[in-house]
Amino acid sequence: MPRNWHLERYPGKYVAIDVTTDEVVLVADTPKELHDEIQAQGLTNVATMRAPTEDEPLFVGPG
């Protein structure tokens, strides 16, 4: 089942996604800010990624 994190809400931002609930739990402008906030909140079950901007292509499948 494809996941939909609604990343269009956070164009160009770095996000932390709870791997259990698939909810975006943190948003930051830089990877360092995101990392620092994850550490400060003691989050352990998160995956991080950068949300694409509208003009960035999404690559799916083999290149």
PDB file of N, CA and C in Angstrom:
ATOM      1  N   MET A   1       0.834  -1.173   0.000  1.00  0.00           N
ATOM      2  CA  MET A   1       0.000   0.000   0.000  1.00  0.00           C
ATOM      3  C   MET A   1       0.886   1.246   0.000  1.00  0.00           C
ATOM      4  N   PRO A   2       0.698   2.142  -0.961  1.00  0.00           N
ATOM      5  CA  PRO A   2       1.514   3.361  -1.003  1.00  0.00           C
ATOM      6  C   PRO A   2       1.230   4.257   0.193  1.00  0.00           C
ATOM      7  N   ARG A   3       2.252   4.908   0.642  1.00  0.00           N
ATOM      8  CA  ARG A   3       2.102   5.821   1.775  1.00  0.00           C
ATOM      9  C   ARG A   3       1.921   7.231   1.256  1.00  0.00           C
ATOM     10  N   ASN A   4       1.114   8.009   1.943  1.00  0.00           N
ATOM     11  CA  ASN A   4       0.923   9.403   1.578  1.00  0.00           C
ATOM     12  C   ASN A   4       1.162  10.259   2.813  1.00  0.00           C
ATOM     13  N   TRP A   5       2.300  10.923   2.811  1.00  0.00           N
ATOM     14  CA  TRP A   5       2.661  11.756   3.951  1.00  0.00           C
ATOM     15  C   TRP A   5       2.255  13.210   3.744  1.00  0.00           C
ATOM     16  N   HIS A   6       1.632  13.526   2.615  1.00  0.00           N
ATOM     17  CA  HIS A   6       1.211  14.897   2.301  1.00  0.00           C
ATOM     18  C   HIS A   6       2.390  15.860   2.371  1.00  0.00           C
ATOM     19  N   LEU A   7       3.492  15.454   1.749  1.00  0.00           N
ATOM     20  CA  LEU A   7       4.696  16.273   1.790  1.00  0.00           C
ATOM     21  C   LEU A   7       4.544  17.584   1.035  1.00  0.00           C
ATOM     22  N   GLU A   8       3.520  17.705   0.208  1.00  0.00           N
ATOM     23  CA  GLU A   8       3.296  18.973  -0.493  1.00  0.00           C
ATOM     24  C   GLU A   8       3.022  20.112   0.487  1.00  0.00           C
ATOM     25  N   ARG A   9       2.686  19.778   1.698  1.00  0.00           N
ATOM     26  CA  ARG A   9       2.474  20.795   2.741  1.00  0.00           C
ATOM     27  C   ARG A   9       3.791  21.401   3.231  1.00  0.00           C
ATOM     28  N   TYR A  10       4.911  20.729   2.943  1.00  0.00           N
ATOM     29  CA  TYR A  10       6.208  21.126   3.491  1.00  0.00           C
ATOM     30  C   TYR A  10       7.265  21.256   2.397  1.00  0.00           C
ATOM     31  N   PRO A  11       7.013  21.976   1.312  1.00  0.00           N
ATOM     32  CA  PRO A  11       7.964  22.007   0.198  1.00  0.00           C
ATOM     33  C   PRO A  11       9.351  22.507   0.605  1.00  0.00           C
ATOM     34  N   GLY A  12      10.371  21.700   0.308  1.00  0.00           N
ATOM     35  CA  GLY A  12      11.748  22.069   0.597  1.00  0.00           C
ATOM     36  C   GLY A  12      12.163  21.944   2.044  1.00  0.00           C
ATOM     37  N   LYS A  13      11.276  21.496   2.900  1.00  0.00           N
ATOM     38  CA  LYS A  13      11.591  21.355   4.332  1.00  0.00           C
ATOM     39  C   LYS A  13      12.079  19.936   4.619  1.00  0.00           C
ATOM     40  N   TYR A  14      12.717  19.790   5.751  1.00  0.00           N
ATOM     41  CA  TYR A  14      13.150  18.475   6.231  1.00  0.00           C
ATOM     42  C   TYR A  14      12.121  17.997   7.241  1.00  0.00           C
ATOM     43  N   VAL A  15      11.692  16.760   7.085  1.00  0.00           N
ATOM     44  CA  VAL A  15      10.623  16.246   7.931  1.00  0.00           C
ATOM     45  C   VAL A  15      11.049  14.952   8.623  1.00  0.00           C
ATOM     46  N   ALA A  16      10.469  14.726   9.786  1.00  0.00           N
ATOM     47  CA  ALA A  16      10.620  13.464  10.509  1.00  0.00           C
ATOM     48  C   ALA A  16       9.252  12.803  10.502  1.00  0.00           C
ATOM     49  N   ILE A  17       9.220  11.536  10.098  1.00  0.00           N
ATOM     50  CA  ILE A  17       7.979  10.791   9.979  1.00  0.00           C
ATOM     51  C   ILE A  17       8.001   9.639  10.969  1.00  0.00           C
ATOM     52  N   ASP A  18       6.971   9.542  11.785  1.00  0.00           N
ATOM     53  CA  ASP A  18       6.846   8.429  12.725  1.00  0.00           C
ATOM     54  C   ASP A  18       6.627   7.151  11.915  1.00  0.00           C
ATOM     55  N   VAL A  19       7.507   6.178  12.068  1.00  0.00           N
ATOM     56  CA  VAL A  19       7.428   4.963  11.250  1.00  0.00           C
ATOM     57  C   VAL A  19       6.277   4.050  11.664  1.00  0.00           C
ATOM     58  N   THR A  20       5.719   4.261  12.823  1.00  0.00           N
ATOM     59  CA  THR A  20       4.587   3.450  13.266  1.00  0.00           C
ATOM     60  C   THR A  20       3.262   4.005  12.750  1.00  0.00           C
ATOM     61  N   THR A  21       3.103   5.312  12.834  1.00  0.00           N
ATOM     62  CA  THR A  21       1.830   5.937  12.456  1.00  0.00           C
ATOM     63  C   THR A  21       1.843   6.590  11.082  1.00  0.00           C
ATOM     64  N   ASP A  22       3.023   6.734  10.478  1.00  0.00           N
ATOM     65  CA  ASP A  22       3.189   7.424   9.192  1.00  0.00           C
ATOM     66  C   ASP A  22       2.787   8.893   9.241  1.00  0.00           C
ATOM     67  N   GLU A  23       2.833   9.495  10.415  1.00  0.00           N
ATOM     68  CA  GLU A  23       2.517  10.916  10.571  1.00  0.00           C
ATOM     69  C   GLU A  23       3.806  11.733  10.574  1.00  0.00           C
ATOM     70  N   VAL A  24       3.753  12.906   9.946  1.00  0.00           N
ATOM     71  CA  VAL A  24       4.870  13.845  10.036  1.00  0.00           C
ATOM     72  C   VAL A  24       4.831  14.436  11.442  1.00  0.00           C
ATOM     73  N   VAL A  25       5.915  14.253  12.191  1.00  0.00           N
ATOM     74  CA  VAL A  25       5.926  14.708  13.589  1.00  0.00           C
ATOM     75  C   VAL A  25       6.795  15.939  13.818  1.00  0.00           C
ATOM     76  N   LEU A  26       7.731  16.208  12.901  1.00  0.00           N
ATOM     77  CA  LEU A  26       8.582  17.396  13.018  1.00  0.00           C
ATOM     78  C   LEU A  26       8.879  17.937  11.633  1.00  0.00           C
ATOM     79  N   VAL A  27       9.052  19.258  11.553  1.00  0.00           N
ATOM     80  CA  VAL A  27       9.423  19.924  10.305  1.00  0.00           C
ATOM     81  C   VAL A  27      10.494  20.949  10.645  1.00  0.00           C
ATOM     82  N   ALA A  28      11.540  21.025   9.803  1.00  0.00           N
ATOM     83  CA  ALA A  28      12.617  21.981  10.047  1.00  0.00           C
ATOM     84  C   ALA A  28      13.161  22.504   8.719  1.00  0.00           C
ATOM     85  N   ASP A  29      13.891  23.602   8.793  1.00  0.00           N
ATOM     86  CA  ASP A  29      14.480  24.204   7.597  1.00  0.00           C
ATOM     87  C   ASP A  29      15.776  23.529   7.167  1.00  0.00           C
ATOM     88  N   THR A  30      16.509  22.953   8.118  1.00  0.00           N
ATOM     89  CA  THR A  30      17.793  22.322   7.789  1.00  0.00           C
ATOM     90  C   THR A  30      17.866  20.936   8.425  1.00  0.00           C
ATOM     91  N   PRO A  31      18.722  20.081   7.883  1.00  0.00           N
ATOM     92  CA  PRO A  31      18.876  18.762   8.499  1.00  0.00           C
ATOM     93  C   PRO A  31      19.389  18.851   9.937  1.00  0.00           C
ATOM     94  N   LYS A  32      20.276  19.811  10.209  1.00  0.00           N
ATOM     95  CA  LYS A  32      20.803  19.953  11.575  1.00  0.00           C
ATOM     96  C   LYS A  32      19.697  20.342  12.554  1.00  0.00           C
ATOM     97  N   GLU A  33      18.835  21.286  12.155  1.00  0.00           N
ATOM     98  CA  GLU A  33      17.723  21.676  13.024  1.00  0.00           C
ATOM     99  C   GLU A  33      16.814  20.484  13.301  1.00  0.00           C
ATOM    100  N   LEU A  34      16.548  19.695  12.266  1.00  0.00           N
ATOM    101  CA  LEU A  34      15.701  18.519  12.439  1.00  0.00           C
ATOM    102  C   LEU A  34      16.361  17.526  13.391  1.00  0.00           C
ATOM    103  N   HIS A  35      17.626  17.256  13.179  1.00  0.00           N
ATOM    104  CA  HIS A  35      18.358  16.321  14.044  1.00  0.00           C
ATOM    105  C   HIS A  35      18.356  16.795  15.493  1.00  0.00           C
ATOM    106  N   ASP A  36      18.645  18.072  15.686  1.00  0.00           N
ATOM    107  CA  ASP A  36      18.695  18.611  17.051  1.00  0.00           C
ATOM    108  C   ASP A  36      17.341  18.483  17.746  1.00  0.00           C
ATOM    109  N   GLU A  37      16.259  18.737  17.021  1.00  0.00           N
ATOM    110  CA  GLU A  37      14.922  18.656  17.617  1.00  0.00           C
ATOM    111  C   GLU A  37      14.536  17.197  17.910  1.00  0.00           C
ATOM    112  N   ILE A  38      14.923  16.290  17.024  1.00  0.00           N
ATOM    113  CA  ILE A  38      14.683  14.861  17.275  1.00  0.00           C
ATOM    114  C   ILE A  38      15.390  14.431  18.554  1.00  0.00           C
ATOM    115  N   GLN A  39      16.634  14.855  18.706  1.00  0.00           N
ATOM    116  CA  GLN A  39      17.402  14.526  19.915  1.00  0.00           C
ATOM    117  C   GLN A  39      16.774  15.158  21.153  1.00  0.00           C
ATOM    118  N   ALA A  40      16.376  16.412  21.042  1.00  0.00           N
ATOM    119  CA  ALA A  40      15.794  17.125  22.186  1.00  0.00           C
ATOM    120  C   ALA A  40      14.492  16.476  22.653  1.00  0.00           C
ATOM    121  N   GLN A  41      13.710  15.980  21.694  1.00  0.00           N
ATOM    122  CA  GLN A  41      12.437  15.354  22.053  1.00  0.00           C
ATOM    123  C   GLN A  41      12.584  13.862  22.346  1.00  0.00           C
ATOM    124  N   GLY A  42      13.768  13.316  22.115  1.00  0.00           N
ATOM    125  CA  GLY A  42      13.996  11.905  22.392  1.00  0.00           C
ATOM    126  C   GLY A  42      13.241  10.959  21.476  1.00  0.00           C
ATOM    127  N   LEU A  43      12.966  11.399  20.256  1.00  0.00           N
ATOM    128  CA  LEU A  43      12.234  10.550  19.310  1.00  0.00           C
ATOM    129  C   LEU A  43      13.139   9.433  18.802  1.00  0.00           C
ATOM    130  N   THR A  44      12.602   8.224  18.742  1.00  0.00           N
ATOM    131  CA  THR A  44      13.415   7.090  18.298  1.00  0.00           C
ATOM    132  C   THR A  44      12.865   6.397  17.060  1.00  0.00           C
ATOM    133  N   ASN A  45      11.586   6.411  16.849  1.00  0.00           N
ATOM    134  CA  ASN A  45      10.993   5.688  15.722  1.00  0.00           C
ATOM    135  C   ASN A  45      10.599   6.626  14.597  1.00  0.00           C
ATOM    136  N   VAL A  46      11.581   7.389  14.095  1.00  0.00           N
ATOM    137  CA  VAL A  46      11.295   8.313  13.011  1.00  0.00           C
ATOM    138  C   VAL A  46      12.243   8.079  11.848  1.00  0.00           C
ATOM    139  N   ALA A  47      11.723   8.337  10.667  1.00  0.00           N
ATOM    140  CA  ALA A  47      12.533   8.366   9.453  1.00  0.00           C
ATOM    141  C   ALA A  47      12.572   9.820   9.003  1.00  0.00           C
ATOM    142  N   THR A  48      13.682  10.238   8.429  1.00  0.00           N
ATOM    143  CA  THR A  48      13.804  11.630   8.012  1.00  0.00           C
ATOM    144  C   THR A  48      13.993  11.713   6.503  1.00  0.00           C
ATOM    145  N   MET A  49      13.505  12.807   5.947  1.00  0.00           N
ATOM    146  CA  MET A  49      13.678  13.049   4.523  1.00  0.00           C
ATOM    147  C   MET A  49      13.408  14.514   4.228  1.00  0.00           C
ATOM    148  N   ARG A  50      13.787  14.922   3.022  1.00  0.00           N
ATOM    149  CA  ARG A  50      13.499  16.277   2.563  1.00  0.00           C
ATOM    150  C   ARG A  50      12.285  16.206   1.653  1.00  0.00           C
ATOM    151  N   ALA A  51      11.308  17.049   1.905  1.00  0.00           N
ATOM    152  CA  ALA A  51      10.123  17.117   1.058  1.00  0.00           C
ATOM    153  C   ALA A  51      10.481  17.870  -0.217  1.00  0.00           C
ATOM    154  N   PRO A  52      10.113  17.335  -1.371  1.00  0.00           N
ATOM    155  CA  PRO A  52      10.449  18.019  -2.621  1.00  0.00           C
ATOM    156  C   PRO A  52       9.631  19.292  -2.799  1.00  0.00           C
ATOM    157  N   THR A  53      10.176  20.207  -3.588  1.00  0.00           N
ATOM    158  CA  THR A  53       9.412  21.392  -3.965  1.00  0.00           C
ATOM    159  C   THR A  53       8.542  21.037  -5.168  1.00  0.00           C
ATOM    160  N   GLU A  54       7.624  21.916  -5.521  1.00  0.00           N
ATOM    161  CA  GLU A  54       6.705  21.637  -6.637  1.00  0.00           C
ATOM    162  C   GLU A  54       7.417  21.392  -7.944  1.00  0.00           C
ATOM    163  N   ASP A  55       8.541  22.062  -8.176  1.00  0.00           N
ATOM    164  CA  ASP A  55       9.225  21.943  -9.458  1.00  0.00           C
ATOM    165  C   ASP A  55      10.255  20.818  -9.500  1.00  0.00           C
ATOM    166  N   GLU A  56      10.410  20.065  -8.431  1.00  0.00           N
ATOM    167  CA  GLU A  56      11.341  18.942  -8.426  1.00  0.00           C
ATOM    168  C   GLU A  56      10.630  17.662  -8.851  1.00  0.00           C
ATOM    169  N   PRO A  57      11.252  16.903  -9.750  1.00  0.00           N
ATOM    170  CA  PRO A  57      10.627  15.654 -10.175  1.00  0.00           C
ATOM    171  C   PRO A  57      10.728  14.602  -9.080  1.00  0.00           C
ATOM    172  N   LEU A  58       9.765  13.706  -9.056  1.00  0.00           N
ATOM    173  CA  LEU A  58       9.807  12.565  -8.164  1.00  0.00           C
ATOM    174  C   LEU A  58      10.238  11.356  -8.979  1.00  0.00           C
ATOM    175  N   PHE A  59      11.329  10.747  -8.598  1.00  0.00           N
ATOM    176  CA  PHE A  59      11.837   9.586  -9.313  1.00  0.00           C
ATOM    177  C   PHE A  59      11.282   8.319  -8.660  1.00  0.00           C
ATOM    178  N   VAL A  60      10.655   7.500  -9.454  1.00  0.00           N
ATOM    179  CA  VAL A  60      10.075   6.268  -8.960  1.00  0.00           C
ATOM    180  C   VAL A  60      10.572   5.125  -9.833  1.00  0.00           C
ATOM    181  N   GLY A  61      11.060   4.074  -9.208  1.00  0.00           N
ATOM    182  CA  GLY A  61      11.520   2.915  -9.960  1.00  0.00           C
ATOM    183  C   GLY A  61      12.959   3.050 -10.407  1.00  0.00           C
ATOM    184  N   PRO A  62      13.449   2.033 -11.144  1.00  0.00           N
ATOM    185  CA  PRO A  62      14.846   2.040 -11.585  1.00  0.00           C
ATOM    186  C   PRO A  62      15.116   3.166 -12.572  1.00  0.00           C
ATOM    187  N   GLY A  63      16.313   3.710 -12.479  1.00  0.00           N
ATOM    188  CA  GLY A  63      16.667   4.859 -13.307  1.00  0.00           C
ATOM    189  C   GLY A  63      17.280   4.543 -14.559  1.00  0.00           C
TER     190      GLY A  63
END
